[in-house]
Amino acid sequence: MSNGKGALRTIEIDVVCYFEIMKVLFSCSELGLGHVSRVVPLGERLEKRGHEVFFFSGGAAYQRLKGEFGNVYYCRPVAWYENAHGIITSASVLNILFPLPNFNYTRNAFEIKSSNAMETIHRYYDLRRNIRKIKPDVIVSDGDMHALRLAQRWKIPSVYITNVIRPTYGFPKLLILGERFTERYVRNCSKIIVPDNPPPCTICEYNLGNLEDIGIEDKVEFVGGFLDMTSIEGREEHIFAPISGPLGTRAKLTNLIIPVLKELELKSVVSLGVFGEKISAKIGKCEVHTWLTPQERQECMKDARYIIFSGGHTTCLETIKYAKPSVCIPTQPEQLGNAKKMQHLNCSIVAKNGKDLRQAIQKLEEKRHFYKSNVRGLSQYSGRFNGIENAVKIIESIAKS
């Protein structure tokens, strides 16, 4: 493959066609694995079309990308302050400027977490150093403002992939100033891709805010989910609870969900989201697994009667794909926004504690046909959009402009 910008080659995809080969630089946030789960299929499709694709991230997202692609580079992660109880807002605000002591559960030791300011400086220069070498035709950022800032500075066309811009549910007031500051980079990018249904069926609607007020309405493209949203319905054998997120979040959900499920007469399956050696146990009619492979997880979701989860955007789309009524137990503002929209579409019920969860399961049983019918209709609507193909067309058009 030629490295020269503007080189023309014949690429065989579905048919033989001619188009301009481009260099695409992806920078992916490592705050959770939802960002990287979107980047992987998009990167695969761009590579299949003959483009050179380069990936930058840190933490677990970097490891995931290394297992999928060749051109993967490490850059310094920028993370919130969290402990066994999840993300601590007050400490995170303090940590913007000051380093703080923290317990690393992976290493089982205390350490000093660098300030966000220092993490930001390191990440900025990690990206800057490599951008100069690669000379990309377009920069694609999934949740990473540093890449958008560099694109703006060096006048490189940029695309921002996001399902969160200005959250309207539960967002800490202490962080609003920082949110407004980063919005200037969003306003200056070439296009904003939202991997979700167009309104009025946009799951992340309450996390986007008023696009006209923000000044980006003409830049936003609702392309559809990055999953294959073709509707699939399996058997209805069990309740499935896929638990994910940082340690504190997983512990909170585990301690809330399992005591409820073990009391039920319905069979249930729980994945604790702990990557590594797979250990399984049975408590009553509840099967608990430390980890399920992506294939096992898909099968459990396909054959579920109901799904219990925290409200992450990708999992919301999965419940829609498989047409499963659900219960959302949000652990942070973005999830709460998604959960509220799913509830307003009469596809899910929001729960805060064990009592709520019991009542929600009972309500799903009593009004099973109502919830099933609503989520089935949403599934059929969502299947009309091919998010990956639509996103590829936008990225290619921006690179040529």
Protein backbone atom coordinates (compact mmCIF):
# COMPACT_ATOMS: atom_id res chain seq x y z
CA MET A 1 0.00 0.00 0.00
CA SER A 2 1.33 3.43 -0.94
CA ASN A 3 1.97 5.89 1.88
CA GLY A 4 1.62 8.90 -0.40
CA LYS A 5 -1.37 11.10 0.27
CA GLY A 6 -3.78 11.15 -2.64
CA ALA A 7 -2.51 7.89 -4.16
CA LEU A 8 -5.12 6.03 -6.17
CA ARG A 9 -5.48 2.28 -6.14
CA THR A 10 -8.05 -0.26 -7.23
CA ILE A 11 -9.63 -1.82 -4.15
CA GLU A 12 -11.83 -4.87 -4.33
CA ILE A 13 -14.67 -4.79 -1.83
CA ASP A 14 -18.15 -5.83 -2.95
CA VAL A 15 -17.40 -4.49 -6.44
CA VAL A 16 -14.29 -3.04 -8.05
CA CYS A 17 -14.19 0.73 -7.59
CA TYR A 18 -11.78 3.63 -7.45
CA PHE A 19 -11.41 5.96 -4.49
CA GLU A 20 -8.74 7.83 -2.63
CA ILE A 21 -6.69 5.94 -0.06
CA MET A 22 -6.47 7.91 3.17
CA LYS A 23 -4.68 7.77 6.49
CA VAL A 24 -7.11 7.70 9.42
CA LEU A 25 -5.94 8.34 12.97
CA PHE A 26 -8.26 7.06 15.70
CA SER A 27 -7.89 8.28 19.27
CA CYS A 28 -10.06 6.34 21.69
CA SER A 29 -10.98 7.12 25.31
CA GLU A 30 -10.26 4.32 27.78
CA LEU A 31 -12.96 5.35 30.28
CA GLY A 32 -14.81 2.04 30.05
CA LEU A 33 -14.71 -0.28 27.06
CA GLY A 34 -17.77 1.15 25.29
CA HIS A 35 -15.57 3.50 23.25
CA VAL A 36 -13.23 0.80 21.98
CA SER A 37 -16.12 -1.56 21.22
CA ARG A 38 -17.33 1.04 18.69
CA VAL A 39 -13.90 1.76 17.26
CA VAL A 40 -13.05 -1.87 16.44
CA PRO A 41 -15.79 -2.60 13.86
CA LEU A 42 -15.41 0.85 12.32
CA GLY A 43 -11.64 0.41 12.01
CA GLU A 44 -12.10 -3.04 10.49
CA ARG A 45 -14.44 -1.66 7.85
CA LEU A 46 -12.08 1.18 6.95
CA GLU A 47 -9.17 -1.24 6.63
CA LYS A 48 -11.28 -3.51 4.44
CA ARG A 49 -11.81 -0.56 2.14
CA GLY A 50 -8.02 -0.19 1.82
CA HIS A 51 -7.37 2.77 4.11
CA GLU A 52 -4.41 2.98 6.49
CA VAL A 53 -5.73 3.13 10.04
CA PHE A 54 -3.73 4.08 13.16
CA PHE A 55 -5.05 3.68 16.71
CA PHE A 56 -4.15 5.46 19.96
CA SER A 57 -5.41 4.65 23.45
CA GLY A 58 -4.33 3.53 26.91
CA GLY A 59 -5.28 1.00 29.58
CA ALA A 60 -7.55 -1.94 28.70
CA ALA A 61 -8.66 -0.23 25.48
CA TYR A 62 -5.06 -0.23 24.24
CA GLN A 63 -4.76 -3.95 25.00
CA ARG A 64 -7.99 -4.68 23.14
CA LEU A 65 -6.85 -2.72 20.09
CA LYS A 66 -3.45 -4.45 20.11
CA GLY A 67 -5.25 -7.76 19.77
CA GLU A 68 -7.19 -6.56 16.72
CA PHE A 69 -4.92 -4.28 14.66
CA GLY A 70 -1.32 -3.71 13.62
CA ASN A 71 -0.88 0.08 13.90
CA VAL A 72 -1.68 0.57 17.60
CA TYR A 73 0.14 3.11 19.80
CA TYR A 74 0.02 3.74 23.52
CA CYS A 75 -0.88 7.15 24.92
CA ARG A 76 -1.30 8.22 28.53
CA PRO A 77 -4.78 7.51 29.96
CA VAL A 78 -6.78 10.32 31.55
CA ALA A 79 -9.02 8.90 34.27
CA TRP A 80 -11.45 9.95 36.96
CA TYR A 81 -10.60 9.27 40.58
CA GLU A 82 -12.34 6.11 41.74
CA ASN A 83 -12.21 3.58 44.56
CA ALA A 84 -14.17 0.49 45.58
CA HIS A 85 -17.38 2.55 45.60
CA GLY A 86 -16.94 3.80 42.04
CA ILE A 87 -16.12 7.30 40.73
CA ILE A 88 -15.82 9.89 43.51
CA THR A 89 -16.95 13.27 42.14
CA SER A 90 -15.44 15.51 44.83
CA ALA A 91 -12.08 13.72 44.67
CA SER A 92 -12.16 13.80 40.86
CA VAL A 93 -12.58 17.59 40.93
CA LEU A 94 -9.65 17.92 43.36
CA ASN A 95 -7.62 15.51 41.24
CA ILE A 96 -7.92 17.81 38.22
CA LEU A 97 -5.03 19.86 39.64
CA PHE A 98 -3.58 17.77 42.47
CA PRO A 99 -2.22 14.20 42.67
CA LEU A 100 -4.04 12.00 45.19
CA PRO A 101 -3.28 8.71 46.95
CA ASN A 102 -5.31 5.80 45.64
CA PHE A 103 -5.50 2.02 46.06
CA ASN A 104 -4.80 0.11 42.86
CA TYR A 105 -6.89 -3.07 43.11
CA THR A 106 -5.18 -4.63 40.10
CA ARG A 107 -1.75 -4.35 41.72
CA ASN A 108 -3.14 -4.65 45.26
CA ALA A 109 -1.09 -1.67 46.45
CA PHE A 110 -1.37 2.02 47.29
CA GLU A 111 -0.07 4.50 44.73
CA ILE A 112 -0.25 8.18 43.85
CA LYS A 113 -2.66 8.98 41.04
CA SER A 114 -1.33 11.78 38.86
CA SER A 115 -3.43 14.89 38.44
CA ASN A 116 -5.68 15.10 35.37
CA ALA A 117 -3.66 18.15 34.31
CA MET A 118 -0.44 16.11 34.19
CA GLU A 119 -2.20 13.16 32.50
CA THR A 120 -3.59 15.58 29.91
CA ILE A 121 -0.15 17.04 29.16
CA HIS A 122 1.37 13.58 28.68
CA ARG A 123 -1.48 12.39 26.46
CA TYR A 124 -1.37 15.56 24.37
CA TYR A 125 2.33 15.15 23.62
CA ASP A 126 1.99 11.39 23.03
CA LEU A 127 -0.54 12.17 20.33
CA ARG A 128 1.28 15.21 18.98
CA ARG A 129 4.56 13.32 18.49
CA ASN A 130 2.91 10.58 16.45
CA ILE A 131 0.52 12.81 14.50
CA ARG A 132 3.53 14.61 13.07
CA LYS A 133 4.96 11.30 11.86
CA ILE A 134 1.73 9.86 10.47
CA LYS A 135 0.37 13.04 8.85
CA PRO A 136 -3.24 11.77 8.83
CA ASP A 137 -5.85 12.91 6.32
CA VAL A 138 -8.52 12.81 9.02
CA ILE A 139 -8.56 12.42 12.82
CA VAL A 140 -11.40 10.41 14.35
CA SER A 141 -11.91 10.79 18.09
CA ASP A 142 -14.14 8.58 20.20
CA GLY A 143 -14.45 10.43 23.49
CA ASP A 144 -10.98 12.03 23.38
CA MET A 145 -10.85 15.84 23.41
CA HIS A 146 -7.05 15.92 23.11
CA ALA A 147 -7.24 14.62 19.55
CA LEU A 148 -9.87 17.23 18.62
CA ARG A 149 -7.68 19.96 20.08
CA LEU A 150 -4.70 18.85 17.99
CA ALA A 151 -6.84 18.56 14.88
CA GLN A 152 -8.06 22.12 15.41
CA ARG A 153 -4.55 23.45 16.00
CA TRP A 154 -3.07 21.85 12.88
CA LYS A 155 -6.19 22.28 10.75
CA ILE A 156 -6.70 18.57 10.14
CA PRO A 157 -10.29 17.50 9.34
CA SER A 158 -11.80 15.79 12.38
CA VAL A 159 -14.77 13.58 13.24
CA TYR A 160 -16.06 13.13 16.78
CA ILE A 161 -17.92 9.94 17.69
CA THR A 162 -20.02 10.31 20.82
CA ASN A 163 -23.26 9.57 22.61
CA VAL A 164 -22.62 12.20 25.33
CA ILE A 165 -22.28 15.97 24.85
CA ARG A 166 -24.35 17.82 27.47
CA PRO A 167 -26.02 15.36 29.91
CA THR A 168 -29.28 16.51 31.46
CA TYR A 169 -29.75 13.84 34.16
CA GLY A 170 -27.67 13.68 37.32
CA PHE A 171 -24.56 15.44 35.97
CA PRO A 172 -22.52 16.88 38.91
CA LYS A 173 -22.67 20.68 39.03
CA LEU A 174 -18.99 20.74 40.00
CA LEU A 175 -18.08 19.41 36.54
CA ILE A 176 -20.32 21.66 34.42
CA LEU A 177 -17.59 24.28 33.88
CA GLY A 178 -15.21 21.62 32.54
CA GLU A 179 -17.94 20.24 30.30
CA ARG A 180 -18.61 23.66 28.78
CA PHE A 181 -14.88 24.17 28.22
CA THR A 182 -14.52 20.96 26.21
CA GLU A 183 -17.59 21.78 24.11
CA ARG A 184 -15.57 24.36 22.17
CA TYR A 185 -13.52 21.52 20.63
CA VAL A 186 -16.71 19.67 19.74
CA ARG A 187 -18.12 22.77 18.01
CA ASN A 188 -14.95 23.14 15.93
CA CYS A 189 -14.76 19.59 14.56
CA SER A 190 -15.90 18.81 11.01
CA LYS A 191 -18.65 16.30 11.86
CA ILE A 192 -20.17 14.67 14.93
CA ILE A 193 -21.30 11.07 14.53
CA VAL A 194 -23.88 9.77 17.01
CA PRO A 195 -24.03 5.95 16.80
CA ASP A 196 -27.73 5.84 17.57
CA ASN A 197 -31.17 6.05 15.97
CA PRO A 198 -32.40 9.38 14.60
CA PRO A 199 -34.93 11.27 16.78
CA PRO A 200 -37.41 10.58 18.26
CA CYS A 201 -36.00 7.10 18.98
CA THR A 202 -32.49 8.23 19.98
CA ILE A 203 -31.52 6.27 23.10
CA CYS A 204 -28.85 8.78 24.16
CA GLU A 205 -31.10 11.81 23.55
CA TYR A 206 -30.97 13.04 27.15
CA ASN A 207 -27.16 12.89 27.12
CA LEU A 208 -26.79 15.08 24.03
CA GLY A 209 -28.55 18.21 25.25
CA ASN A 210 -30.08 20.87 23.02
CA LEU A 211 -27.91 20.68 19.89
CA GLU A 212 -29.17 24.03 18.60
CA ASP A 213 -28.25 25.80 21.84
CA ILE A 214 -24.80 24.21 21.78
CA GLY A 215 -24.39 25.39 18.18
CA ILE A 216 -23.73 22.01 16.53
CA GLU A 217 -27.10 20.99 15.11
CA ASP A 218 -25.87 21.16 11.51
CA LYS A 219 -22.81 19.00 12.28
CA VAL A 220 -24.54 16.08 14.01
CA GLU A 221 -25.33 12.91 12.07
CA PHE A 222 -27.44 10.13 13.62
CA VAL A 223 -26.10 7.13 11.72
CA GLY A 224 -27.62 4.19 13.62
CA GLY A 225 -25.94 1.76 16.00
CA PHE A 226 -22.48 0.39 15.27
CA LEU A 227 -23.81 -3.08 16.06
CA ASP A 228 -25.49 -5.16 13.40
CA MET A 229 -28.97 -4.14 14.51
CA THR A 230 -30.78 -6.79 12.50
CA SER A 231 -33.53 -7.96 14.85
CA ILE A 232 -32.83 -11.37 16.43
CA GLU A 233 -35.09 -13.08 18.95
CA GLY A 234 -34.09 -16.26 20.72
CA ARG A 235 -35.66 -18.34 23.44
CA GLU A 236 -36.76 -16.83 26.76
CA GLU A 237 -35.05 -19.18 29.17
CA HIS A 238 -33.62 -16.94 31.88
CA ILE A 239 -33.01 -13.46 33.27
CA PHE A 240 -29.58 -12.25 32.20
CA ALA A 241 -27.49 -9.71 34.14
CA PRO A 242 -24.24 -8.65 32.40
CA ILE A 243 -22.24 -6.65 34.97
CA SER A 244 -19.46 -4.35 33.76
CA GLY A 245 -17.51 -1.23 34.66
CA PRO A 246 -14.78 -0.41 37.20
CA LEU A 247 -14.33 -2.52 40.32
CA GLY A 248 -16.49 -0.36 42.58
CA THR A 249 -19.35 -0.29 40.10
CA ARG A 250 -19.21 -4.06 39.60
CA ALA A 251 -19.17 -4.68 43.35
CA LYS A 252 -22.18 -2.42 43.88
CA LEU A 253 -24.22 -4.10 41.14
CA THR A 254 -23.19 -7.60 42.23
CA ASN A 255 -24.29 -6.99 45.82
CA LEU A 256 -27.60 -5.58 44.61
CA ILE A 257 -28.54 -8.01 41.83
CA ILE A 258 -27.54 -11.49 43.07
CA PRO A 259 -29.50 -11.38 46.39
CA VAL A 260 -32.66 -10.59 44.38
CA LEU A 261 -32.13 -13.17 41.63
CA LYS A 262 -31.30 -16.05 43.97
CA GLU A 263 -34.77 -15.71 45.55
CA LEU A 264 -36.63 -16.07 42.25
CA GLU A 265 -38.21 -19.18 40.80
CA LEU A 266 -37.07 -18.00 37.36
CA LYS A 267 -33.67 -19.19 36.16
CA SER A 268 -31.05 -16.42 35.94
CA VAL A 269 -27.50 -15.98 34.64
CA VAL A 270 -25.04 -13.36 35.93
CA SER A 271 -21.71 -12.36 34.38
CA LEU A 272 -19.50 -10.50 36.87
CA GLY A 273 -17.31 -8.96 34.16
CA VAL A 274 -14.02 -10.10 35.73
CA PHE A 275 -11.69 -10.87 32.83
CA GLY A 276 -9.40 -13.86 33.24
CA GLU A 277 -9.91 -17.37 34.61
CA LYS A 278 -13.54 -18.42 34.28
CA ILE A 279 -15.12 -19.57 37.55
CA SER A 280 -18.79 -20.52 37.85
CA ALA A 281 -21.12 -21.14 40.78
CA LYS A 282 -24.82 -21.74 41.32
CA ILE A 283 -26.92 -20.04 44.01
CA GLY A 284 -30.47 -21.35 43.92
CA LYS A 285 -31.54 -20.97 40.29
CA CYS A 286 -28.97 -18.26 39.69
CA GLU A 287 -25.82 -19.16 37.70
CA VAL A 288 -22.91 -16.83 38.43
CA HIS A 289 -19.89 -16.63 36.08
CA THR A 290 -16.82 -14.49 36.64
CA TRP A 291 -16.50 -14.03 32.88
CA LEU A 292 -18.33 -14.88 29.68
CA THR A 293 -16.71 -14.74 26.26
CA PRO A 294 -18.31 -12.32 23.77
CA GLN A 295 -19.95 -15.30 22.04
CA GLU A 296 -21.31 -16.73 25.32
CA ARG A 297 -22.56 -13.29 26.30
CA GLN A 298 -24.42 -12.90 23.01
CA GLU A 299 -26.06 -16.30 23.43
CA CYS A 300 -27.15 -15.47 26.99
CA MET A 301 -28.59 -12.17 25.79
CA LYS A 302 -30.35 -13.75 22.80
CA ASP A 303 -32.03 -16.39 24.97
CA ALA A 304 -32.95 -14.05 27.85
CA ARG A 305 -36.48 -13.31 29.04
CA TYR A 306 -35.36 -10.01 30.59
CA ILE A 307 -32.01 -8.25 30.89
CA ILE A 308 -30.75 -6.40 33.97
CA PHE A 309 -27.90 -3.95 33.36
CA SER A 310 -26.56 -0.54 34.32
CA GLY A 311 -27.69 1.42 31.26
CA GLY A 312 -24.52 1.62 29.15
CA HIS A 313 -25.21 2.82 25.62
CA THR A 314 -23.88 -0.26 23.79
CA THR A 315 -25.80 -2.64 26.03
CA CYS A 316 -28.98 -0.59 25.50
CA LEU A 317 -28.59 -1.20 21.77
CA GLU A 318 -27.98 -4.91 22.39
CA THR A 319 -31.20 -5.25 24.37
CA ILE A 320 -33.01 -3.58 21.45
CA LYS A 321 -31.34 -5.82 18.85
CA TYR A 322 -32.51 -8.93 20.71
CA ALA A 323 -35.90 -7.34 21.56
CA LYS A 324 -35.55 -7.85 25.33
CA PRO A 325 -37.46 -5.88 27.99
CA SER A 326 -35.01 -4.76 30.64
CA VAL A 327 -34.32 -3.25 34.04
CA CYS A 328 -31.69 -0.49 34.24
CA ILE A 329 -29.74 0.16 37.45
CA PRO A 330 -27.67 3.27 36.57
CA THR A 331 -24.40 3.93 38.42
CA GLN A 332 -23.45 7.23 36.73
CA PRO A 333 -25.16 10.13 34.89
CA GLU A 334 -24.72 8.89 31.32
CA GLN A 335 -26.37 5.58 32.18
CA LEU A 336 -29.21 7.37 33.97
CA GLY A 337 -29.93 9.42 30.84
CA ASN A 338 -30.04 6.29 28.66
CA ALA A 339 -32.18 4.47 31.23
CA LYS A 340 -34.71 7.30 31.44
CA LYS A 341 -35.14 7.35 27.65
CA MET A 342 -35.54 3.55 27.52
CA GLN A 343 -38.18 3.86 30.25
CA HIS A 344 -39.99 6.65 28.38
CA LEU A 345 -40.08 4.38 25.31
CA ASN A 346 -41.73 1.72 27.55
CA CYS A 347 -38.92 -0.75 26.86
CA SER A 348 -37.28 -0.72 30.30
CA ILE A 349 -37.79 0.12 33.98
CA VAL A 350 -35.33 2.14 36.07
CA ALA A 351 -34.38 0.71 39.48
CA LYS A 352 -32.22 2.15 42.26
CA ASN A 353 -32.09 -0.64 44.84
CA GLY A 354 -33.06 -4.22 45.57
CA LYS A 355 -36.66 -3.33 46.38
CA ASP A 356 -37.03 -1.48 43.09
CA LEU A 357 -35.49 -4.41 41.23
CA ARG A 358 -37.95 -6.91 42.71
CA GLN A 359 -40.88 -4.66 41.81
CA ALA A 360 -39.51 -4.08 38.30
CA ILE A 361 -39.20 -7.82 37.59
CA GLN A 362 -42.73 -8.36 38.88
CA LYS A 363 -44.02 -5.53 36.67
CA LEU A 364 -42.27 -6.97 33.60
CA GLU A 365 -43.96 -10.31 34.28
CA GLU A 366 -47.38 -8.73 34.73
CA LYS A 367 -47.11 -6.55 31.60
CA ARG A 368 -44.85 -8.79 29.60
CA HIS A 369 -46.73 -8.45 26.31
CA PHE A 370 -46.77 -4.62 26.59
CA TYR A 371 -43.02 -4.28 27.13
CA LYS A 372 -42.16 -7.01 24.63
CA SER A 373 -44.28 -5.38 21.94
CA ASN A 374 -42.65 -1.98 22.47
CA VAL A 375 -39.07 -3.23 22.38
CA ARG A 376 -39.83 -5.44 19.36
CA GLY A 377 -41.11 -2.39 17.46
CA LEU A 378 -38.01 -0.40 18.43
CA SER A 379 -35.83 -3.32 17.33
CA GLN A 380 -37.43 -3.41 13.89
CA TYR A 381 -37.01 0.36 13.51
CA SER A 382 -33.35 0.25 14.62
CA GLY A 383 -32.60 -2.50 12.11
CA ARG A 384 -33.22 -0.05 9.26
CA PHE A 385 -29.90 1.74 9.87
CA ASN A 386 -26.36 0.54 9.13
CA GLY A 387 -24.31 2.71 11.46
CA ILE A 388 -20.89 1.45 10.37
CA GLU A 389 -21.49 2.00 6.66
CA ASN A 390 -22.99 5.44 7.27
CA ALA A 391 -20.04 6.43 9.49
CA VAL A 392 -17.49 5.24 6.90
CA LYS A 393 -19.14 7.39 4.22
CA ILE A 394 -18.97 10.45 6.49
CA ILE A 395 -15.29 9.89 7.38
CA GLU A 396 -14.34 9.40 3.73
CA SER A 397 -16.22 12.52 2.67
CA ILE A 398 -14.60 14.63 5.40
CA ALA A 399 -11.10 13.46 4.43
CA LYS A 400 -11.72 14.51 0.80
CA SER A 401 -13.20 17.92 1.65
